[in-house]
Amino acid sequence: MAEKYENNTLQNIIIENRSKIHVSGVKEVLSFDEETVLLSSALGKITIKGDNMRISSFNTETGDLTAEGKIHAAVYMGDKSGGGFISRILK
């Protein structure tokens, strides 16, 4: 049951008032600090940039994650190793 969301290509990202972000389809939190949250999702890697970022909840069974802070950007990075120009900048 925990792997159910991995085969589902549906994914939602909802940003509330630039201070809270909800992401579905998250497989794993790859890294996080006060400025960046890096996620592996059903549709590729996602980088969330902001200030005072913190993960307030992450349900590993459903793949639902909520993070809070001042959100500046949410960017899909894709699955390709090495990445492009933007992915090198955001690392």
N, C-alpha and C. Protein backbone atom coordinates (compact mmCIF):
# COMPACT_ATOMS: atom_id res chain seq x y z
N MET A 1 0.82 -1.19 0.00
CA MET A 1 0.00 0.00 0.00
C MET A 1 0.87 1.26 0.00
N ALA A 2 2.02 1.24 0.65
CA ALA A 2 2.88 2.41 0.72
C ALA A 2 3.42 2.81 -0.65
N GLU A 3 3.50 1.89 -1.59
CA GLU A 3 4.04 2.18 -2.90
C GLU A 3 2.96 2.62 -3.89
N LYS A 4 1.72 2.69 -3.48
CA LYS A 4 0.60 2.99 -4.37
C LYS A 4 0.78 4.30 -5.13
N TYR A 5 1.24 5.35 -4.48
CA TYR A 5 1.36 6.66 -5.12
C TYR A 5 2.46 6.70 -6.16
N GLU A 6 3.43 5.79 -6.10
CA GLU A 6 4.54 5.81 -7.06
C GLU A 6 4.07 5.52 -8.48
N ASN A 7 3.07 4.69 -8.64
CA ASN A 7 2.58 4.36 -9.97
C ASN A 7 1.57 5.37 -10.48
N ASN A 8 1.15 6.27 -9.65
CA ASN A 8 0.17 7.27 -10.01
C ASN A 8 0.91 8.51 -10.50
N THR A 9 0.59 8.96 -11.72
CA THR A 9 1.29 10.12 -12.27
C THR A 9 0.62 11.43 -11.89
N LEU A 10 -0.51 11.37 -11.17
CA LEU A 10 -1.15 12.59 -10.72
C LEU A 10 -0.34 13.21 -9.59
N GLN A 11 -0.18 14.51 -9.66
CA GLN A 11 0.54 15.20 -8.60
C GLN A 11 -0.04 16.60 -8.46
N ASN A 12 -0.15 17.04 -7.23
CA ASN A 12 -0.63 18.40 -6.97
C ASN A 12 0.40 19.15 -6.16
N ILE A 13 0.56 20.42 -6.50
CA ILE A 13 1.36 21.34 -5.71
C ILE A 13 0.46 22.54 -5.45
N ILE A 14 0.20 22.80 -4.18
CA ILE A 14 -0.66 23.92 -3.80
C ILE A 14 0.15 24.84 -2.90
N ILE A 15 0.24 26.10 -3.27
CA ILE A 15 0.93 27.11 -2.47
C ILE A 15 -0.11 28.04 -1.89
N GLU A 16 -0.11 28.17 -0.57
CA GLU A 16 -1.06 29.04 0.13
C GLU A 16 -0.36 30.30 0.62
N ASN A 17 -0.79 31.42 0.10
CA ASN A 17 -0.31 32.74 0.55
C ASN A 17 1.22 32.84 0.61
N ARG A 18 1.89 32.11 -0.26
CA ARG A 18 3.36 32.12 -0.33
C ARG A 18 4.02 31.72 0.98
N SER A 19 3.27 31.08 1.89
CA SER A 19 3.85 30.72 3.17
C SER A 19 3.72 29.23 3.50
N LYS A 20 2.92 28.49 2.71
CA LYS A 20 2.74 27.07 2.95
C LYS A 20 2.60 26.38 1.61
N ILE A 21 3.25 25.22 1.46
CA ILE A 21 3.17 24.45 0.23
C ILE A 21 2.79 23.01 0.55
N HIS A 22 1.83 22.49 -0.20
CA HIS A 22 1.39 21.09 -0.08
C HIS A 22 1.79 20.40 -1.38
N VAL A 23 2.48 19.26 -1.27
CA VAL A 23 2.91 18.50 -2.44
C VAL A 23 2.46 17.06 -2.27
N SER A 24 1.78 16.51 -3.29
CA SER A 24 1.42 15.09 -3.26
C SER A 24 2.33 14.33 -4.21
N GLY A 25 2.41 13.02 -4.03
CA GLY A 25 3.25 12.19 -4.89
C GLY A 25 4.72 12.22 -4.52
N VAL A 26 5.05 12.60 -3.29
CA VAL A 26 6.44 12.68 -2.85
C VAL A 26 6.92 11.28 -2.46
N LYS A 27 8.03 10.85 -3.04
CA LYS A 27 8.62 9.56 -2.70
C LYS A 27 9.58 9.69 -1.52
N GLU A 28 10.37 10.78 -1.53
CA GLU A 28 11.45 10.90 -0.55
C GLU A 28 11.87 12.36 -0.42
N VAL A 29 12.27 12.75 0.78
CA VAL A 29 12.90 14.05 1.00
C VAL A 29 14.40 13.81 0.84
N LEU A 30 14.99 14.38 -0.21
CA LEU A 30 16.41 14.16 -0.48
C LEU A 30 17.30 15.02 0.40
N SER A 31 16.88 16.27 0.62
CA SER A 31 17.62 17.15 1.53
C SER A 31 16.75 18.36 1.85
N PHE A 32 17.07 19.02 2.96
CA PHE A 32 16.36 20.24 3.29
C PHE A 32 17.19 21.06 4.26
N ASP A 33 17.01 22.37 4.18
CA ASP A 33 17.56 23.31 5.14
C ASP A 33 16.62 24.52 5.15
N GLU A 34 17.04 25.62 5.74
CA GLU A 34 16.15 26.78 5.86
C GLU A 34 15.86 27.47 4.53
N GLU A 35 16.66 27.19 3.50
CA GLU A 35 16.49 27.86 2.21
C GLU A 35 16.00 26.94 1.09
N THR A 36 16.20 25.62 1.21
CA THR A 36 15.89 24.71 0.13
C THR A 36 15.33 23.39 0.64
N VAL A 37 14.28 22.91 -0.03
CA VAL A 37 13.75 21.57 0.21
C VAL A 37 13.84 20.84 -1.12
N LEU A 38 14.56 19.71 -1.16
CA LEU A 38 14.72 18.93 -2.38
C LEU A 38 13.98 17.61 -2.22
N LEU A 39 13.03 17.36 -3.12
CA LEU A 39 12.16 16.19 -3.04
C LEU A 39 12.32 15.31 -4.27
N SER A 40 12.15 14.01 -4.08
CA SER A 40 11.99 13.08 -5.18
C SER A 40 10.51 12.77 -5.24
N SER A 41 9.90 12.99 -6.42
CA SER A 41 8.45 12.81 -6.54
C SER A 41 8.12 11.85 -7.67
N ALA A 42 6.86 11.55 -7.81
CA ALA A 42 6.38 10.66 -8.86
C ALA A 42 6.70 11.20 -10.25
N LEU A 43 6.85 12.51 -10.39
CA LEU A 43 7.11 13.12 -11.70
C LEU A 43 8.50 13.75 -11.81
N GLY A 44 9.42 13.40 -10.92
CA GLY A 44 10.78 13.92 -10.97
C GLY A 44 11.14 14.67 -9.70
N LYS A 45 12.34 15.21 -9.68
CA LYS A 45 12.80 15.97 -8.52
C LYS A 45 12.15 17.35 -8.49
N ILE A 46 11.86 17.82 -7.29
CA ILE A 46 11.28 19.15 -7.10
C ILE A 46 12.17 19.90 -6.11
N THR A 47 12.54 21.11 -6.47
CA THR A 47 13.28 21.98 -5.56
C THR A 47 12.36 23.12 -5.13
N ILE A 48 12.23 23.30 -3.83
CA ILE A 48 11.44 24.40 -3.28
C ILE A 48 12.42 25.35 -2.61
N LYS A 49 12.43 26.59 -3.07
CA LYS A 49 13.33 27.61 -2.52
C LYS A 49 12.54 28.60 -1.68
N GLY A 50 13.16 29.08 -0.61
CA GLY A 50 12.49 30.06 0.23
C GLY A 50 13.35 30.47 1.41
N ASP A 51 12.74 31.12 2.37
CA ASP A 51 13.40 31.54 3.60
C ASP A 51 12.69 30.88 4.77
N ASN A 52 13.46 30.53 5.79
CA ASN A 52 12.92 29.92 7.01
C ASN A 52 12.05 28.71 6.71
N MET A 53 12.47 27.89 5.76
CA MET A 53 11.70 26.72 5.35
C MET A 53 11.80 25.62 6.41
N ARG A 54 10.66 24.95 6.61
CA ARG A 54 10.64 23.77 7.49
C ARG A 54 9.56 22.84 6.99
N ILE A 55 9.78 21.55 7.17
CA ILE A 55 8.79 20.55 6.79
C ILE A 55 7.89 20.33 8.00
N SER A 56 6.61 20.65 7.85
CA SER A 56 5.68 20.51 8.98
C SER A 56 5.04 19.13 9.02
N SER A 57 4.92 18.45 7.86
CA SER A 57 4.42 17.08 7.87
C SER A 57 4.83 16.36 6.59
N PHE A 58 5.04 15.05 6.71
CA PHE A 58 5.33 14.20 5.57
C PHE A 58 4.81 12.81 5.86
N ASN A 59 3.81 12.39 5.10
CA ASN A 59 3.22 11.06 5.25
C ASN A 59 3.84 10.16 4.20
N THR A 60 4.70 9.23 4.63
CA THR A 60 5.40 8.35 3.70
C THR A 60 4.47 7.34 3.03
N GLU A 61 3.33 7.05 3.63
CA GLU A 61 2.39 6.10 3.04
C GLU A 61 1.62 6.71 1.86
N THR A 62 1.20 7.96 2.01
CA THR A 62 0.43 8.62 0.95
C THR A 62 1.29 9.49 0.04
N GLY A 63 2.48 9.87 0.49
CA GLY A 63 3.34 10.75 -0.29
C GLY A 63 2.98 12.22 -0.19
N ASP A 64 2.20 12.58 0.84
CA ASP A 64 1.78 13.98 1.03
C ASP A 64 2.76 14.70 1.95
N LEU A 65 3.23 15.87 1.49
CA LEU A 65 4.18 16.67 2.26
C LEU A 65 3.67 18.09 2.37
N THR A 66 3.87 18.69 3.53
CA THR A 66 3.56 20.11 3.75
C THR A 66 4.81 20.78 4.31
N ALA A 67 5.19 21.90 3.72
CA ALA A 67 6.32 22.69 4.20
C ALA A 67 5.86 24.13 4.39
N GLU A 68 6.52 24.81 5.32
CA GLU A 68 6.16 26.20 5.62
C GLU A 68 7.39 27.08 5.59
N GLY A 69 7.19 28.35 5.34
CA GLY A 69 8.24 29.35 5.26
C GLY A 69 7.83 30.37 4.20
N LYS A 70 8.72 31.29 3.86
CA LYS A 70 8.44 32.23 2.78
C LYS A 70 8.90 31.59 1.47
N ILE A 71 7.96 31.20 0.63
CA ILE A 71 8.26 30.44 -0.58
C ILE A 71 8.57 31.38 -1.74
N HIS A 72 9.72 31.14 -2.38
CA HIS A 72 10.13 31.93 -3.54
C HIS A 72 9.90 31.19 -4.85
N ALA A 73 10.10 29.85 -4.85
CA ALA A 73 9.97 29.09 -6.10
C ALA A 73 9.79 27.61 -5.82
N ALA A 74 9.11 26.94 -6.75
CA ALA A 74 9.01 25.48 -6.78
C ALA A 74 9.32 25.07 -8.21
N VAL A 75 10.37 24.28 -8.39
CA VAL A 75 10.87 23.96 -9.73
C VAL A 75 11.03 22.45 -9.88
N TYR A 76 10.47 21.90 -10.99
CA TYR A 76 10.73 20.51 -11.34
C TYR A 76 12.11 20.41 -11.97
N MET A 77 12.88 19.43 -11.52
CA MET A 77 14.24 19.27 -12.02
C MET A 77 14.36 18.11 -13.00
N GLY A 78 13.37 17.23 -13.12
CA GLY A 78 13.45 16.08 -14.02
C GLY A 78 14.23 14.95 -13.41
N ASP A 79 14.36 13.85 -14.15
CA ASP A 79 15.06 12.66 -13.67
C ASP A 79 16.45 12.51 -14.25
N LYS A 80 16.84 13.36 -15.15
CA LYS A 80 18.13 13.21 -15.82
C LYS A 80 19.26 13.50 -14.85
N SER A 81 20.28 12.66 -14.87
CA SER A 81 21.45 12.91 -14.02
C SER A 81 22.29 14.00 -14.67
N GLY A 82 22.92 14.80 -13.87
CA GLY A 82 23.73 15.90 -14.37
C GLY A 82 22.93 17.17 -14.53
N GLY A 83 21.72 17.08 -15.07
CA GLY A 83 20.83 18.22 -15.19
C GLY A 83 21.33 19.27 -16.14
N GLY A 84 20.60 20.32 -16.26
CA GLY A 84 20.96 21.42 -17.12
C GLY A 84 21.48 22.59 -16.32
N PHE A 85 21.53 23.72 -16.97
CA PHE A 85 22.07 24.93 -16.38
C PHE A 85 21.33 25.32 -15.10
N ILE A 86 20.01 25.32 -15.15
CA ILE A 86 19.20 25.72 -13.98
C ILE A 86 19.42 24.76 -12.80
N SER A 87 19.49 23.46 -13.07
CA SER A 87 19.67 22.51 -11.97
C SER A 87 21.03 22.68 -11.30
N ARG A 88 22.05 23.07 -12.07
CA ARG A 88 23.37 23.31 -11.47
C ARG A 88 23.34 24.57 -10.60
N ILE A 89 22.58 25.57 -10.99
CA ILE A 89 22.49 26.81 -10.22
C ILE A 89 21.77 26.56 -8.90
N LEU A 90 20.70 25.76 -8.93
CA LEU A 90 19.87 25.56 -7.75
C LEU A 90 20.43 24.54 -6.76
N LYS A 91 21.54 23.91 -7.08
CA LYS A 91 22.13 22.94 -6.14
C LYS A 91 22.79 23.63 -4.99
